[in-house]
Amino acid sequence: MTVGAFFAGGGISFRKQGISLGAQIVLWIIALALFGYGAYVTFVYGSQG
């Protein structure tokens, strides 16, 4: 989840630097995938405690 947030922050800063839209989209897809996976793992394994 932290890595996903890191990628999302990178996507925002890259947008200010003016990189191509395609690269931004790829970064956002990676960010959302990692964030979603982290949230899923946290929810599934955290609720078993």
PDB file of N, CA and C in Angstrom:
ATOM      1  N   MET A   1       0.833  -1.183   0.000  1.00  0.00           N
ATOM      2  CA  MET A   1       0.000   0.000   0.000  1.00  0.00           C
ATOM      3  C   MET A   1       0.883   1.253   0.000  1.00  0.00           C
ATOM      4  N   THR A   2       1.951   1.216   0.776  1.00  0.00           N
ATOM      5  CA  THR A   2       2.876   2.347   0.826  1.00  0.00           C
ATOM      6  C   THR A   2       3.535   2.561  -0.529  1.00  0.00           C
ATOM      7  N   VAL A   3       3.910   1.460  -1.177  1.00  0.00           N
ATOM      8  CA  VAL A   3       4.545   1.564  -2.494  1.00  0.00           C
ATOM      9  C   VAL A   3       3.575   2.164  -3.501  1.00  0.00           C
ATOM     10  N   GLY A   4       2.310   1.776  -3.419  1.00  0.00           N
ATOM     11  CA  GLY A   4       1.301   2.337  -4.314  1.00  0.00           C
ATOM     12  C   GLY A   4       1.155   3.834  -4.114  1.00  0.00           C
ATOM     13  N   ALA A   5       1.144   4.269  -2.855  1.00  0.00           N
ATOM     14  CA  ALA A   5       1.056   5.699  -2.564  1.00  0.00           C
ATOM     15  C   ALA A   5       2.293   6.424  -3.078  1.00  0.00           C
ATOM     16  N   PHE A   6       3.446   5.769  -2.990  1.00  0.00           N
ATOM     17  CA  PHE A   6       4.691   6.341  -3.504  1.00  0.00           C
ATOM     18  C   PHE A   6       4.603   6.557  -5.010  1.00  0.00           C
ATOM     19  N   PHE A   7       4.075   5.560  -5.739  1.00  0.00           N
ATOM     20  CA  PHE A   7       3.905   5.691  -7.184  1.00  0.00           C
ATOM     21  C   PHE A   7       2.907   6.794  -7.523  1.00  0.00           C
ATOM     22  N   ALA A   8       1.834   6.897  -6.746  1.00  0.00           N
ATOM     23  CA  ALA A   8       0.844   7.947  -6.987  1.00  0.00           C
ATOM     24  C   ALA A   8       1.482   9.319  -6.798  1.00  0.00           C
ATOM     25  N   GLY A   9       2.278   9.477  -5.755  1.00  0.00           N
ATOM     26  CA  GLY A   9       2.987  10.736  -5.530  1.00  0.00           C
ATOM     27  C   GLY A   9       3.951  11.033  -6.666  1.00  0.00           C
ATOM     28  N   GLY A  10       4.606   9.994  -7.165  1.00  0.00           N
ATOM     29  CA  GLY A  10       5.498  10.157  -8.311  1.00  0.00           C
ATOM     30  C   GLY A  10       4.732  10.610  -9.539  1.00  0.00           C
ATOM     31  N   GLY A  11       3.554  10.050  -9.750  1.00  0.00           N
ATOM     32  CA  GLY A  11       2.724  10.440 -10.888  1.00  0.00           C
ATOM     33  C   GLY A  11       2.331  11.903 -10.818  1.00  0.00           C
ATOM     34  N   ILE A  12       2.008  12.370  -9.625  1.00  0.00           N
ATOM     35  CA  ILE A  12       1.630  13.775  -9.450  1.00  0.00           C
ATOM     36  C   ILE A  12       2.823  14.683  -9.729  1.00  0.00           C
ATOM     37  N   SER A  13       3.999  14.348  -9.202  1.00  0.00           N
ATOM     38  CA  SER A  13       5.168  15.189  -9.410  1.00  0.00           C
ATOM     39  C   SER A  13       5.617  15.157 -10.868  1.00  0.00           C
ATOM     40  N   PHE A  14       5.484  13.998 -11.524  1.00  0.00           N
ATOM     41  CA  PHE A  14       5.844  13.914 -12.940  1.00  0.00           C
ATOM     42  C   PHE A  14       4.925  14.773 -13.790  1.00  0.00           C
ATOM     43  N   ARG A  15       3.664  14.870 -13.392  1.00  0.00           N
ATOM     44  CA  ARG A  15       2.726  15.684 -14.150  1.00  0.00           C
ATOM     45  C   ARG A  15       3.172  17.144 -14.134  1.00  0.00           C
ATOM     46  N   LYS A  16       3.717  17.596 -13.008  1.00  0.00           N
ATOM     47  CA  LYS A  16       4.218  18.965 -12.910  1.00  0.00           C
ATOM     48  C   LYS A  16       5.460  19.149 -13.785  1.00  0.00           C
ATOM     49  N   GLN A  17       6.218  18.075 -13.991  1.00  0.00           N
ATOM     50  CA  GLN A  17       7.428  18.152 -14.808  1.00  0.00           C
ATOM     51  C   GLN A  17       7.112  18.054 -16.293  1.00  0.00           C
ATOM     52  N   GLY A  18       5.890  17.664 -16.631  1.00  0.00           N
ATOM     53  CA  GLY A  18       5.464  17.658 -18.022  1.00  0.00           C
ATOM     54  C   GLY A  18       5.865  16.423 -18.811  1.00  0.00           C
ATOM     55  N   ILE A  19       5.853  15.244 -18.196  1.00  0.00           N
ATOM     56  CA  ILE A  19       6.110  14.024 -18.963  1.00  0.00           C
ATOM     57  C   ILE A  19       4.870  13.666 -19.776  1.00  0.00           C
ATOM     58  N   SER A  20       5.031  12.719 -20.675  1.00  0.00           N
ATOM     59  CA  SER A  20       3.946  12.367 -21.591  1.00  0.00           C
ATOM     60  C   SER A  20       2.754  11.763 -20.853  1.00  0.00           C
ATOM     61  N   LEU A  21       1.585  11.931 -21.454  1.00  0.00           N
ATOM     62  CA  LEU A  21       0.352  11.423 -20.853  1.00  0.00           C
ATOM     63  C   LEU A  21       0.401   9.905 -20.711  1.00  0.00           C
ATOM     64  N   GLY A  22       0.967   9.225 -21.694  1.00  0.00           N
ATOM     65  CA  GLY A  22       1.062   7.769 -21.655  1.00  0.00           C
ATOM     66  C   GLY A  22       1.842   7.286 -20.444  1.00  0.00           C
ATOM     67  N   ALA A  23       2.959   7.951 -20.157  1.00  0.00           N
ATOM     68  CA  ALA A  23       3.776   7.569 -19.009  1.00  0.00           C
ATOM     69  C   ALA A  23       3.020   7.821 -17.707  1.00  0.00           C
ATOM     70  N   GLN A  24       2.273   8.923 -17.660  1.00  0.00           N
ATOM     71  CA  GLN A  24       1.464   9.213 -16.476  1.00  0.00           C
ATOM     72  C   GLN A  24       0.422   8.126 -16.250  1.00  0.00           C
ATOM     73  N   ILE A  25      -0.242   7.698 -17.321  1.00  0.00           N
ATOM     74  CA  ILE A  25      -1.275   6.665 -17.215  1.00  0.00           C
ATOM     75  C   ILE A  25      -0.676   5.364 -16.688  1.00  0.00           C
ATOM     76  N   VAL A  26       0.497   4.995 -17.215  1.00  0.00           N
ATOM     77  CA  VAL A  26       1.162   3.777 -16.751  1.00  0.00           C
ATOM     78  C   VAL A  26       1.476   3.876 -15.261  1.00  0.00           C
ATOM     79  N   LEU A  27       1.998   5.030 -14.838  1.00  0.00           N
ATOM     80  CA  LEU A  27       2.309   5.225 -13.422  1.00  0.00           C
ATOM     81  C   LEU A  27       1.063   5.102 -12.558  1.00  0.00           C
ATOM     82  N   TRP A  28      -0.046   5.702 -13.023  1.00  0.00           N
ATOM     83  CA  TRP A  28      -1.278   5.655 -12.239  1.00  0.00           C
ATOM     84  C   TRP A  28      -1.837   4.239 -12.155  1.00  0.00           C
ATOM     85  N   ILE A  29      -1.733   3.472 -13.251  1.00  0.00           N
ATOM     86  CA  ILE A  29      -2.204   2.080 -13.235  1.00  0.00           C
ATOM     87  C   ILE A  29      -1.384   1.263 -12.233  1.00  0.00           C
ATOM     88  N   ILE A  30      -0.064   1.442 -12.266  1.00  0.00           N
ATOM     89  CA  ILE A  30       0.800   0.736 -11.318  1.00  0.00           C
ATOM     90  C   ILE A  30       0.455   1.141  -9.887  1.00  0.00           C
ATOM     91  N   ALA A  31       0.269   2.447  -9.682  1.00  0.00           N
ATOM     92  CA  ALA A  31      -0.038   2.953  -8.346  1.00  0.00           C
ATOM     93  C   ALA A  31      -1.339   2.360  -7.817  1.00  0.00           C
ATOM     94  N   LEU A  32      -2.378   2.384  -8.640  1.00  0.00           N
ATOM     95  CA  LEU A  32      -3.676   1.863  -8.208  1.00  0.00           C
ATOM     96  C   LEU A  32      -3.619   0.360  -7.964  1.00  0.00           C
ATOM     97  N   ALA A  33      -2.882  -0.357  -8.826  1.00  0.00           N
ATOM     98  CA  ALA A  33      -2.774  -1.805  -8.665  1.00  0.00           C
ATOM     99  C   ALA A  33      -2.060  -2.151  -7.359  1.00  0.00           C
ATOM    100  N   LEU A  34      -0.939  -1.486  -7.098  1.00  0.00           N
ATOM    101  CA  LEU A  34      -0.188  -1.761  -5.877  1.00  0.00           C
ATOM    102  C   LEU A  34      -0.975  -1.351  -4.640  1.00  0.00           C
ATOM    103  N   PHE A  35      -1.637  -0.199  -4.716  1.00  0.00           N
ATOM    104  CA  PHE A  35      -2.417   0.277  -3.575  1.00  0.00           C
ATOM    105  C   PHE A  35      -3.583  -0.665  -3.296  1.00  0.00           C
ATOM    106  N   GLY A  36      -4.265  -1.093  -4.353  1.00  0.00           N
ATOM    107  CA  GLY A  36      -5.389  -2.006  -4.200  1.00  0.00           C
ATOM    108  C   GLY A  36      -4.951  -3.354  -3.652  1.00  0.00           C
ATOM    109  N   TYR A  37      -3.819  -3.855  -4.145  1.00  0.00           N
ATOM    110  CA  TYR A  37      -3.302  -5.133  -3.662  1.00  0.00           C
ATOM    111  C   TYR A  37      -2.917  -5.037  -2.182  1.00  0.00           C
ATOM    112  N   GLY A  38      -2.258  -3.949  -1.821  1.00  0.00           N
ATOM    113  CA  GLY A  38      -1.870  -3.745  -0.431  1.00  0.00           C
ATOM    114  C   GLY A  38      -3.080  -3.654   0.484  1.00  0.00           C
ATOM    115  N   ALA A  39      -4.110  -2.941   0.032  1.00  0.00           N
ATOM    116  CA  ALA A  39      -5.333  -2.810   0.821  1.00  0.00           C
ATOM    117  C   ALA A  39      -6.024  -4.166   0.966  1.00  0.00           C
ATOM    118  N   TYR A  40      -6.029  -4.939  -0.122  1.00  0.00           N
ATOM    119  CA  TYR A  40      -6.642  -6.271  -0.100  1.00  0.00           C
ATOM    120  C   TYR A  40      -5.928  -7.179   0.895  1.00  0.00           C
ATOM    121  N   VAL A  41      -4.606  -7.218   0.826  1.00  0.00           N
ATOM    122  CA  VAL A  41      -3.832  -8.064   1.730  1.00  0.00           C
ATOM    123  C   VAL A  41      -4.043  -7.630   3.178  1.00  0.00           C
ATOM    124  N   THR A  42      -4.026  -6.319   3.413  1.00  0.00           N
ATOM    125  CA  THR A  42      -4.231  -5.800   4.766  1.00  0.00           C
ATOM    126  C   THR A  42      -5.606  -6.186   5.289  1.00  0.00           C
ATOM    127  N   PHE A  43      -6.616  -6.068   4.446  1.00  0.00           N
ATOM    128  CA  PHE A  43      -7.986  -6.374   4.857  1.00  0.00           C
ATOM    129  C   PHE A  43      -8.156  -7.863   5.138  1.00  0.00           C
ATOM    130  N   VAL A  44      -7.669  -8.709   4.227  1.00  0.00           N
ATOM    131  CA  VAL A  44      -7.863 -10.154   4.359  1.00  0.00           C
ATOM    132  C   VAL A  44      -7.077 -10.712   5.546  1.00  0.00           C
ATOM    133  N   TYR A  45      -5.788 -10.395   5.615  1.00  0.00           N
ATOM    134  CA  TYR A  45      -4.966 -10.971   6.671  1.00  0.00           C
ATOM    135  C   TYR A  45      -5.115 -10.220   7.986  1.00  0.00           C
ATOM    136  N   GLY A  46      -5.449  -8.929   7.914  1.00  0.00           N
ATOM    137  CA  GLY A  46      -5.636  -8.153   9.131  1.00  0.00           C
ATOM    138  C   GLY A  46      -6.903  -8.551   9.871  1.00  0.00           C
ATOM    139  N   SER A  47      -7.921  -9.001   9.150  1.00  0.00           N
ATOM    140  CA  SER A  47      -9.196  -9.339   9.780  1.00  0.00           C
ATOM    141  C   SER A  47      -9.176 -10.730  10.415  1.00  0.00           C
ATOM    142  N   GLN A  48      -8.136 -11.512  10.136  1.00  0.00           N
ATOM    143  CA  GLN A  48      -8.062 -12.857  10.710  1.00  0.00           C
ATOM    144  C   GLN A  48      -7.489 -12.833  12.124  1.00  0.00           C
ATOM    145  N   GLY A  49      -6.695 -11.775  12.439  1.00  0.00           N
ATOM    146  CA  GLY A  49      -5.991 -11.551  13.681  1.00  0.00           C
ATOM    147  C   GLY A  49      -6.408 -12.407  14.796  1.00  0.00           C
TER     148      GLY A  49
END
